[in-house]
Every structure is written in C-alpha cells, then in structure tokens.
C-alpha cells in the first residue's frame, strides 16, 4: 500500500516553471506592461458590494482576470513543488517533511498574529491576500528544501 501521495519528481520542475511564470506575469501586470484581460466571469459576490450589503445568489460580472491568472499560476507552482517526491524519497525524507510542516505552521501563525496586531486598513487587506496566497506552503518549501540540502551536504562530506 502506498504510504504517501506525492506527485512524480518531474512535477517539481514543472512547479518551478509555473512559479516563475506567475511571479513574472504578476510583476508585468502590476506595472501595467501587459494589457488587461477583461472577460465576463462567474462571481459569488457582486462587484459593487459594500460591507453592509449582502448579496444572494450568483452573479456574472465583467472583470480583469490578469491578477487571478498570475496568482493561480503561483499557487499551482507552489503546490507542485511542495508535494512532489524527492529523487531519494525515504523515511528520513518523510520525517523532514513532517518537521518542515510543523515549523512552517508555527512560523505562519507567528507572522499572522504579528501582522494582525500591527497592520491596519487597506494594507491589512493586501497583507491578507499575500498570506492567503500561499505563505504557509512557501515557508514549508523553504524549510524543507533547506533541510534536504543540508542533509545531502552532510552525507556527501562523510
């Protein structure tokens, strides 16, 4: 019986391409070097909703989807990188994955609490977009890949 459900190793490289494409695309979109992609899309909230209003039902709105394309590409890339098997996957790698998730979760909680206490108004909404956009997975990848790298360096030196 298969113990873990990881993508094949090649998916990690594909994930790095998605991540790079999404980051470059978002930079080009936010600096307005690329044109907007305006189409009619499905929305669960009307585009002109205020905090006191509550919408019911589903809506079709005309929206620029450029930022969504970039953030989805980044999230797909992060997921492929985080959940792809290493070339030398074993029990030690599983233990590193678990410890990395633990440290990423704690780091995420600390960053979330600090920013919740110290950032206000529209900057808070921008921060929340960043945090909900994959900070936990990004922290996991950074911690796990650094642990794998250090582990490989120490085993090569013996």
C-alpha atoms as a PDB file:
ATOM      1  CA  UNK A   1       0.000   0.000   0.000  1.00  0.00           C
ATOM      2  CA  UNK A   2       1.306   3.419  -0.945  1.00  0.00           C
ATOM      3  CA  UNK A   3       2.207   5.361   2.192  1.00  0.00           C
ATOM      4  CA  UNK A   4       2.245   8.890   0.829  1.00  0.00           C
ATOM      5  CA  UNK A   5       0.566  10.540  -2.082  1.00  0.00           C
ATOM      6  CA  UNK A   6       3.187  12.664  -3.802  1.00  0.00           C
ATOM      7  CA  UNK A   7       3.436  13.850  -7.383  1.00  0.00           C
ATOM      8  CA  UNK A   8       6.245  12.383  -9.509  1.00  0.00           C
ATOM      9  CA  UNK A   9       9.643  14.077  -9.189  1.00  0.00           C
ATOM     10  CA  UNK A  10       9.318  15.804 -12.582  1.00  0.00           C
ATOM     11  CA  UNK A  11       6.340  17.809 -11.272  1.00  0.00           C
ATOM     12  CA  UNK A  12       8.698  19.788  -9.048  1.00  0.00           C
ATOM     13  CA  UNK A  13      10.469  21.208 -12.108  1.00  0.00           C
ATOM     14  CA  UNK A  14       7.130  21.988 -13.732  1.00  0.00           C
ATOM     15  CA  UNK A  15       6.123  23.722 -10.487  1.00  0.00           C
ATOM     16  CA  UNK A  16       9.211  25.937 -10.591  1.00  0.00           C
ATOM     17  CA  UNK A  17       8.235  26.967 -14.141  1.00  0.00           C
ATOM     18  CA  UNK A  18       4.673  27.801 -13.007  1.00  0.00           C
ATOM     19  CA  UNK A  19       6.043  29.768 -10.049  1.00  0.00           C
ATOM     20  CA  UNK A  20       8.465  31.734 -12.230  1.00  0.00           C
ATOM     21  CA  UNK A  21       5.818  32.412 -14.883  1.00  0.00           C
ATOM     22  CA  UNK A  22       3.253  33.523 -12.286  1.00  0.00           C
ATOM     23  CA  UNK A  23       5.682  35.840 -10.489  1.00  0.00           C
ATOM     24  CA  UNK A  24       6.941  37.470 -13.708  1.00  0.00           C
ATOM     25  CA  UNK A  25       3.389  37.732 -15.043  1.00  0.00           C
ATOM     26  CA  UNK A  26       2.147  39.423 -11.838  1.00  0.00           C
ATOM     27  CA  UNK A  27       5.047  41.878 -11.913  1.00  0.00           C
ATOM     28  CA  UNK A  28       4.291  42.766 -15.545  1.00  0.00           C
ATOM     29  CA  UNK A  29       0.561  43.118 -14.803  1.00  0.00           C
ATOM     30  CA  UNK A  30       1.038  45.294 -11.719  1.00  0.00           C
ATOM     31  CA  UNK A  31       3.489  47.572 -13.548  1.00  0.00           C
ATOM     32  CA  UNK A  32       0.924  47.779 -16.384  1.00  0.00           C
ATOM     33  CA  UNK A  33       3.352  46.475 -19.017  1.00  0.00           C
ATOM     34  CA  UNK A  34       0.782  43.893 -20.113  1.00  0.00           C
ATOM     35  CA  UNK A  35      -2.764  44.715 -21.252  1.00  0.00           C
ATOM     36  CA  UNK A  36      -5.761  43.804 -19.108  1.00  0.00           C
ATOM     37  CA  UNK A  37      -7.728  40.652 -19.893  1.00  0.00           C
ATOM     38  CA  UNK A  38     -11.350  41.740 -19.419  1.00  0.00           C
ATOM     39  CA  UNK A  39     -13.957  38.991 -19.689  1.00  0.00           C
ATOM     40  CA  UNK A  40     -17.292  38.090 -18.141  1.00  0.00           C
ATOM     41  CA  UNK A  41     -16.757  35.775 -15.187  1.00  0.00           C
ATOM     42  CA  UNK A  42     -18.828  33.997 -12.552  1.00  0.00           C
ATOM     43  CA  UNK A  43     -18.813  35.614  -9.108  1.00  0.00           C
ATOM     44  CA  UNK A  44     -20.442  34.713  -5.800  1.00  0.00           C
ATOM     45  CA  UNK A  45     -20.495  38.400  -4.781  1.00  0.00           C
ATOM     46  CA  UNK A  46     -21.485  41.384  -6.909  1.00  0.00           C
ATOM     47  CA  UNK A  47     -18.558  43.658  -7.752  1.00  0.00           C
ATOM     48  CA  UNK A  48     -20.137  46.697  -6.092  1.00  0.00           C
ATOM     49  CA  UNK A  49     -20.937  45.055  -2.747  1.00  0.00           C
ATOM     50  CA  UNK A  50     -20.317  47.105   0.352  1.00  0.00           C
ATOM     51  CA  UNK A  51     -19.660  45.817   3.854  1.00  0.00           C
ATOM     52  CA  UNK A  52     -23.235  46.493   4.953  1.00  0.00           C
ATOM     53  CA  UNK A  53     -24.829  44.789   1.923  1.00  0.00           C
ATOM     54  CA  UNK A  54     -25.139  41.083   1.499  1.00  0.00           C
ATOM     55  CA  UNK A  55     -25.573  39.518  -1.917  1.00  0.00           C
ATOM     56  CA  UNK A  56     -27.582  36.368  -2.546  1.00  0.00           C
ATOM     57  CA  UNK A  57     -27.145  34.037  -5.436  1.00  0.00           C
ATOM     58  CA  UNK A  58     -24.631  34.074  -8.251  1.00  0.00           C
ATOM     59  CA  UNK A  59     -23.508  36.916 -10.494  1.00  0.00           C
ATOM     60  CA  UNK A  60     -21.876  37.370 -13.859  1.00  0.00           C
ATOM     61  CA  UNK A  61     -19.507  40.327 -13.784  1.00  0.00           C
ATOM     62  CA  UNK A  62     -17.072  41.912 -16.235  1.00  0.00           C
ATOM     63  CA  UNK A  63     -13.626  41.681 -14.659  1.00  0.00           C
ATOM     64  CA  UNK A  64      -9.901  41.889 -15.409  1.00  0.00           C
ATOM     65  CA  UNK A  65      -8.631  38.368 -14.670  1.00  0.00           C
ATOM     66  CA  UNK A  66      -4.912  39.122 -15.085  1.00  0.00           C
ATOM     67  CA  UNK A  67      -4.156  39.059 -11.356  1.00  0.00           C
ATOM     68  CA  UNK A  68      -6.120  35.824 -10.909  1.00  0.00           C
ATOM     69  CA  UNK A  69      -4.111  34.132 -13.673  1.00  0.00           C
ATOM     70  CA  UNK A  70      -0.840  35.116 -12.010  1.00  0.00           C
ATOM     71  CA  UNK A  71      -1.863  34.073  -8.502  1.00  0.00           C
ATOM     72  CA  UNK A  72      -3.300  30.750  -9.703  1.00  0.00           C
ATOM     73  CA  UNK A  73      -0.054  30.019 -11.583  1.00  0.00           C
ATOM     74  CA  UNK A  74       1.934  30.802  -8.427  1.00  0.00           C
ATOM     75  CA  UNK A  75      -0.285  28.590  -6.253  1.00  0.00           C
ATOM     76  CA  UNK A  76      -0.154  25.690  -8.729  1.00  0.00           C
ATOM     77  CA  UNK A  77       3.631  26.056  -8.826  1.00  0.00           C
ATOM     78  CA  UNK A  78       3.907  26.075  -5.032  1.00  0.00           C
ATOM     79  CA  UNK A  79       1.667  23.018  -4.724  1.00  0.00           C
ATOM     80  CA  UNK A  80       3.635  21.070  -7.345  1.00  0.00           C
ATOM     81  CA  UNK A  81       6.947  21.953  -5.672  1.00  0.00           C
ATOM     82  CA  UNK A  82       5.704  21.168  -2.157  1.00  0.00           C
ATOM     83  CA  UNK A  83       4.030  17.870  -2.989  1.00  0.00           C
ATOM     84  CA  UNK A  84       6.457  16.323  -5.477  1.00  0.00           C
ATOM     85  CA  UNK A  85       8.602  13.374  -4.464  1.00  0.00           C
ATOM     86  CA  UNK A  86      12.323  13.900  -3.997  1.00  0.00           C
ATOM     87  CA  UNK A  87      14.655  11.782  -6.124  1.00  0.00           C
ATOM     88  CA  UNK A  88      15.735   9.907  -2.976  1.00  0.00           C
ATOM     89  CA  UNK A  89      12.405   9.694  -1.123  1.00  0.00           C
ATOM     90  CA  UNK A  90      12.624   7.562   2.058  1.00  0.00           C
ATOM     91  CA  UNK A  91      11.590   7.538   5.741  1.00  0.00           C
ATOM     92  CA  UNK A  92      14.111  10.259   6.574  1.00  0.00           C
ATOM     93  CA  UNK A  93      12.590  12.500   3.893  1.00  0.00           C
ATOM     94  CA  UNK A  94       9.135  11.812   5.379  1.00  0.00           C
ATOM     95  CA  UNK A  95      10.426  12.895   8.795  1.00  0.00           C
ATOM     96  CA  UNK A  96      11.904  16.068   7.273  1.00  0.00           C
ATOM     97  CA  UNK A  97       8.568  16.781   5.568  1.00  0.00           C
ATOM     98  CA  UNK A  98       6.723  16.461   8.867  1.00  0.00           C
ATOM     99  CA  UNK A  99       9.179  18.684  10.758  1.00  0.00           C
ATOM    100  CA  UNK A 100       9.085  21.233   7.945  1.00  0.00           C
ATOM    101  CA  UNK A 101       5.261  21.384   8.061  1.00  0.00           C
ATOM    102  CA  UNK A 102       5.459  21.842  11.817  1.00  0.00           C
ATOM    103  CA  UNK A 103       7.949  24.727  11.574  1.00  0.00           C
ATOM    104  CA  UNK A 104       6.062  26.289   8.657  1.00  0.00           C
ATOM    105  CA  UNK A 105       2.796  26.137  10.627  1.00  0.00           C
ATOM    106  CA  UNK A 106       4.337  27.788  13.674  1.00  0.00           C
ATOM    107  CA  UNK A 107       6.064  30.446  11.544  1.00  0.00           C
ATOM    108  CA  UNK A 108       2.818  31.132   9.695  1.00  0.00           C
ATOM    109  CA  UNK A 109       0.906  31.544  12.962  1.00  0.00           C
ATOM    110  CA  UNK A 110       3.510  33.946  14.375  1.00  0.00           C
ATOM    111  CA  UNK A 111       3.543  36.072  11.181  1.00  0.00           C
ATOM    112  CA  UNK A 112      -0.265  36.037  11.066  1.00  0.00           C
ATOM    113  CA  UNK A 113      -0.637  37.160  14.697  1.00  0.00           C
ATOM    114  CA  UNK A 114       2.027  39.884  14.410  1.00  0.00           C
ATOM    115  CA  UNK A 115       0.546  41.286  11.207  1.00  0.00           C
ATOM    116  CA  UNK A 116      -2.983  41.072  12.610  1.00  0.00           C
ATOM    117  CA  UNK A 117      -1.872  43.194  15.562  1.00  0.00           C
ATOM    118  CA  UNK A 118       0.347  45.643  13.655  1.00  0.00           C
ATOM    119  CA  UNK A 119      -1.207  46.225  10.196  1.00  0.00           C
ATOM    120  CA  UNK A 120      -4.482  48.065   9.609  1.00  0.00           C
ATOM    121  CA  UNK A 121      -6.954  49.183   6.922  1.00  0.00           C
ATOM    122  CA  UNK A 122      -6.194  48.608   3.215  1.00  0.00           C
ATOM    123  CA  UNK A 123      -2.626  47.465   3.922  1.00  0.00           C
ATOM    124  CA  UNK A 124      -4.129  44.674   6.041  1.00  0.00           C
ATOM    125  CA  UNK A 125      -6.275  43.528   3.122  1.00  0.00           C
ATOM    126  CA  UNK A 126      -3.196  43.463   0.873  1.00  0.00           C
ATOM    127  CA  UNK A 127      -1.308  41.517   3.528  1.00  0.00           C
ATOM    128  CA  UNK A 128      -4.182  39.028   3.829  1.00  0.00           C
ATOM    129  CA  UNK A 129      -4.047  38.497   0.070  1.00  0.00           C
ATOM    130  CA  UNK A 130      -0.353  37.658   0.418  1.00  0.00           C
ATOM    131  CA  UNK A 131      -0.862  35.363   3.412  1.00  0.00           C
ATOM    132  CA  UNK A 132      -3.804  33.544   1.870  1.00  0.00           C
ATOM    133  CA  UNK A 133      -1.828  33.328  -1.355  1.00  0.00           C
ATOM    134  CA  UNK A 134       0.461  30.583  -0.181  1.00  0.00           C
ATOM    135  CA  UNK A 135       2.710  31.834   2.614  1.00  0.00           C
ATOM    136  CA  UNK A 136       2.331  28.577   4.546  1.00  0.00           C
ATOM    137  CA  UNK A 137       3.287  26.480   1.525  1.00  0.00           C
ATOM    138  CA  UNK A 138       6.133  28.843   0.657  1.00  0.00           C
ATOM    139  CA  UNK A 139       7.511  28.585   4.215  1.00  0.00           C
ATOM    140  CA  UNK A 140       7.223  24.799   4.037  1.00  0.00           C
ATOM    141  CA  UNK A 141       9.125  24.681   0.741  1.00  0.00           C
ATOM    142  CA  UNK A 142      11.899  26.932   2.045  1.00  0.00           C
ATOM    143  CA  UNK A 143      12.304  24.960   5.271  1.00  0.00           C
ATOM    144  CA  UNK A 144      12.060  21.523   3.631  1.00  0.00           C
ATOM    145  CA  UNK A 145      14.403  22.300   0.730  1.00  0.00           C
ATOM    146  CA  UNK A 146      16.998  23.817   3.082  1.00  0.00           C
ATOM    147  CA  UNK A 147      16.817  20.740   5.357  1.00  0.00           C
ATOM    148  CA  UNK A 148      17.164  18.409   2.355  1.00  0.00           C
ATOM    149  CA  UNK A 149      20.108  20.463   1.057  1.00  0.00           C
ATOM    150  CA  UNK A 150      21.869  20.426   4.440  1.00  0.00           C
ATOM    151  CA  UNK A 151      21.200  16.705   4.814  1.00  0.00           C
ATOM    152  CA  UNK A 152      22.677  15.935   1.389  1.00  0.00           C
ATOM    153  CA  UNK A 153      25.727  18.135   2.064  1.00  0.00           C
ATOM    154  CA  UNK A 154      26.417  16.410   5.373  1.00  0.00           C
ATOM    155  CA  UNK A 155      26.028  12.926   3.869  1.00  0.00           C
ATOM    156  CA  UNK A 156      28.309  13.797   0.916  1.00  0.00           C
ATOM    157  CA  UNK A 157      31.019  15.024   3.294  1.00  0.00           C
ATOM    158  CA  UNK A 158      31.193  11.738   5.221  1.00  0.00           C
END
